[in-house]
Amino acid sequence: MEPTAEQFNKDQLINDFKVVVADAEALLKATANSGGEKLAEVRAKAEESLSIAKARLMDVQDEVLARTKEAAKATDEYVHENPWQSIGIAASVGVVIGLLIGRR
């Protein structure tokens, strides 16, 4: 089963979010020694938001992993229930790919 555009979008979103989280953590560490009550307050709020965002990211990542496993299991069951159809589909895809490669 091919990954869908939605799957790629979720994966890209997760990767982008991880980069943002890492950058935010680096910013918080860089400003850790800076003084000021207001800055400390903002830093504490940012750390709290960051921890919430991390937890949500883990939930989304777990959901994507679970759906991927379900899709793989469904594909495996289909192939075992319909071996000749699966062979025919695989052969057809191979012929199409061979024709496309042969054109170049």
C-alpha atoms as a PDB file:
ATOM      1  CA  MET A   1       0.000   0.000   0.000  1.00  0.00           C
ATOM      2  CA  GLU A   2       1.452   3.366  -1.048  1.00  0.00           C
ATOM      3  CA  PRO A   3       1.718   6.187   1.477  1.00  0.00           C
ATOM      4  CA  THR A   4      -0.870   8.850   0.829  1.00  0.00           C
ATOM      5  CA  ALA A   5      -0.296  12.581   0.449  1.00  0.00           C
ATOM      6  CA  GLU A   6      -1.916  12.975   3.870  1.00  0.00           C
ATOM      7  CA  GLN A   7       0.703  10.648   5.366  1.00  0.00           C
ATOM      8  CA  PHE A   8       3.511  12.691   3.777  1.00  0.00           C
ATOM      9  CA  ASN A   9       1.928  15.893   5.087  1.00  0.00           C
ATOM     10  CA  LYS A  10       1.714  14.479   8.614  1.00  0.00           C
ATOM     11  CA  ASP A  11       5.286  13.232   8.479  1.00  0.00           C
ATOM     12  CA  GLN A  12       6.522  16.584   7.185  1.00  0.00           C
ATOM     13  CA  LEU A  13       4.518  18.399   9.860  1.00  0.00           C
ATOM     14  CA  ILE A  14       6.025  16.208  12.566  1.00  0.00           C
ATOM     15  CA  ASN A  15       9.546  16.811  11.244  1.00  0.00           C
ATOM     16  CA  ASP A  16       8.980  20.568  10.980  1.00  0.00           C
ATOM     17  CA  PHE A  17       7.541  20.664  14.472  1.00  0.00           C
ATOM     18  CA  LYS A  18      10.543  18.791  15.859  1.00  0.00           C
ATOM     19  CA  VAL A  19      12.826  21.422  14.320  1.00  0.00           C
ATOM     20  CA  VAL A  20      10.779  24.226  15.889  1.00  0.00           C
ATOM     21  CA  VAL A  21      10.874  22.512  19.282  1.00  0.00           C
ATOM     22  CA  ALA A  22      14.641  22.056  19.055  1.00  0.00           C
ATOM     23  CA  ASP A  23      15.112  25.703  18.095  1.00  0.00           C
ATOM     24  CA  ALA A  24      12.876  26.849  20.942  1.00  0.00           C
ATOM     25  CA  GLU A  25      14.821  24.710  23.415  1.00  0.00           C
ATOM     26  CA  ALA A  26      18.092  26.179  22.145  1.00  0.00           C
ATOM     27  CA  LEU A  27      16.695  29.699  22.537  1.00  0.00           C
ATOM     28  CA  LEU A  28      15.564  28.971  26.080  1.00  0.00           C
ATOM     29  CA  LYS A  29      18.991  27.596  26.992  1.00  0.00           C
ATOM     30  CA  ALA A  30      20.737  30.590  25.421  1.00  0.00           C
ATOM     31  CA  THR A  31      18.660  33.056  27.446  1.00  0.00           C
ATOM     32  CA  ALA A  32      18.849  31.076  30.692  1.00  0.00           C
ATOM     33  CA  ASN A  33      21.452  33.401  32.211  1.00  0.00           C
ATOM     34  CA  SER A  34      19.715  36.593  31.153  1.00  0.00           C
ATOM     35  CA  GLY A  35      18.242  38.529  34.031  1.00  0.00           C
ATOM     36  CA  GLY A  36      14.942  40.178  34.611  1.00  0.00           C
ATOM     37  CA  GLU A  37      11.746  39.084  36.258  1.00  0.00           C
ATOM     38  CA  LYS A  38       9.694  39.608  33.102  1.00  0.00           C
ATOM     39  CA  LEU A  39      12.107  37.498  31.033  1.00  0.00           C
ATOM     40  CA  ALA A  40      12.015  34.698  33.613  1.00  0.00           C
ATOM     41  CA  GLU A  41       8.224  34.782  33.519  1.00  0.00           C
ATOM     42  CA  VAL A  42       8.143  34.578  29.729  1.00  0.00           C
ATOM     43  CA  ARG A  43      10.748  31.804  29.752  1.00  0.00           C
ATOM     44  CA  ALA A  44       8.692  29.759  32.236  1.00  0.00           C
ATOM     45  CA  LYS A  45       5.579  30.167  30.114  1.00  0.00           C
ATOM     46  CA  ALA A  46       7.520  29.167  26.991  1.00  0.00           C
ATOM     47  CA  GLU A  47       8.899  26.073  28.724  1.00  0.00           C
ATOM     48  CA  GLU A  48       5.393  25.061  29.764  1.00  0.00           C
ATOM     49  CA  SER A  49       4.052  25.555  26.233  1.00  0.00           C
ATOM     50  CA  LEU A  50       6.987  23.627  24.856  1.00  0.00           C
ATOM     51  CA  SER A  51       6.361  20.662  27.126  1.00  0.00           C
ATOM     52  CA  ILE A  52       2.677  20.606  26.116  1.00  0.00           C
ATOM     53  CA  ALA A  53       3.655  20.776  22.448  1.00  0.00           C
ATOM     54  CA  LYS A  54       6.112  17.905  22.904  1.00  0.00           C
ATOM     55  CA  ALA A  55       3.418  15.752  24.483  1.00  0.00           C
ATOM     56  CA  ARG A  56       1.022  16.481  21.625  1.00  0.00           C
ATOM     57  CA  LEU A  57       3.737  15.711  19.091  1.00  0.00           C
ATOM     58  CA  MET A  58       4.323  12.332  20.697  1.00  0.00           C
ATOM     59  CA  ASP A  59       0.584  11.608  20.556  1.00  0.00           C
ATOM     60  CA  VAL A  60       0.443  12.463  16.846  1.00  0.00           C
ATOM     61  CA  GLN A  61       3.540  10.407  16.166  1.00  0.00           C
ATOM     62  CA  ASP A  62       2.020   7.415  17.982  1.00  0.00           C
ATOM     63  CA  GLU A  63      -1.206   7.796  15.990  1.00  0.00           C
ATOM     64  CA  VAL A  64       0.674   7.901  12.683  1.00  0.00           C
ATOM     65  CA  LEU A  65       2.658   4.823  13.666  1.00  0.00           C
ATOM     66  CA  ALA A  66      -0.507   2.936  14.645  1.00  0.00           C
ATOM     67  CA  ARG A  67      -2.216   3.800  11.339  1.00  0.00           C
ATOM     68  CA  THR A  68       0.858   2.750   9.386  1.00  0.00           C
ATOM     69  CA  LYS A  69       0.903  -0.602  11.180  1.00  0.00           C
ATOM     70  CA  GLU A  70      -2.820  -1.078  10.454  1.00  0.00           C
ATOM     71  CA  ALA A  71      -2.270  -0.350   6.751  1.00  0.00           C
ATOM     72  CA  ALA A  72       0.639  -2.787   6.594  1.00  0.00           C
ATOM     73  CA  LYS A  73      -1.427  -5.483   8.309  1.00  0.00           C
ATOM     74  CA  ALA A  74      -4.359  -4.926   5.935  1.00  0.00           C
ATOM     75  CA  THR A  75      -2.028  -5.159   2.945  1.00  0.00           C
ATOM     76  CA  ASP A  76      -0.469  -8.347   4.293  1.00  0.00           C
ATOM     77  CA  GLU A  77      -3.893  -9.917   4.827  1.00  0.00           C
ATOM     78  CA  TYR A  78      -5.009  -8.949   1.307  1.00  0.00           C
ATOM     79  CA  VAL A  79      -1.903 -10.476  -0.256  1.00  0.00           C
ATOM     80  CA  HIS A  80      -2.386 -13.710   1.699  1.00  0.00           C
ATOM     81  CA  GLU A  81      -6.086 -13.911   0.781  1.00  0.00           C
ATOM     82  CA  ASN A  82      -5.541 -13.028  -2.901  1.00  0.00           C
ATOM     83  CA  PRO A  83      -2.083 -14.255  -3.908  1.00  0.00           C
ATOM     84  CA  TRP A  84      -2.731 -14.510  -7.661  1.00  0.00           C
ATOM     85  CA  GLN A  85      -4.302 -11.084  -7.860  1.00  0.00           C
ATOM     86  CA  SER A  86      -1.356  -9.679  -5.943  1.00  0.00           C
ATOM     87  CA  ILE A  87       1.090 -11.354  -8.320  1.00  0.00           C
ATOM     88  CA  GLY A  88      -0.831  -9.958 -11.296  1.00  0.00           C
ATOM     89  CA  ILE A  89      -0.833  -6.450  -9.855  1.00  0.00           C
ATOM     90  CA  ALA A  90       2.886  -6.632  -9.035  1.00  0.00           C
ATOM     91  CA  ALA A  91       3.675  -7.924 -12.533  1.00  0.00           C
ATOM     92  CA  SER A  92       1.598  -5.157 -14.130  1.00  0.00           C
ATOM     93  CA  VAL A  93       3.355  -2.497 -12.087  1.00  0.00           C
ATOM     94  CA  GLY A  94       6.700  -4.035 -13.047  1.00  0.00           C
ATOM     95  CA  VAL A  95       5.809  -3.940 -16.751  1.00  0.00           C
ATOM     96  CA  VAL A  96       4.721  -0.300 -16.534  1.00  0.00           C
ATOM     97  CA  ILE A  97       7.913   0.677 -14.701  1.00  0.00           C
ATOM     98  CA  GLY A  98       9.963  -1.279 -17.251  1.00  0.00           C
ATOM     99  CA  LEU A  99       8.270   0.546 -20.124  1.00  0.00           C
ATOM    100  CA  LEU A 100       8.850   3.919 -18.488  1.00  0.00           C
ATOM    101  CA  ILE A 101      12.516   3.152 -17.867  1.00  0.00           C
ATOM    102  CA  GLY A 102      12.905   1.795 -21.406  1.00  0.00           C
ATOM    103  CA  ARG A 103      11.682   5.085 -22.913  1.00  0.00           C
ATOM    104  CA  ARG A 104      14.618   7.030 -21.515  1.00  0.00           C
END
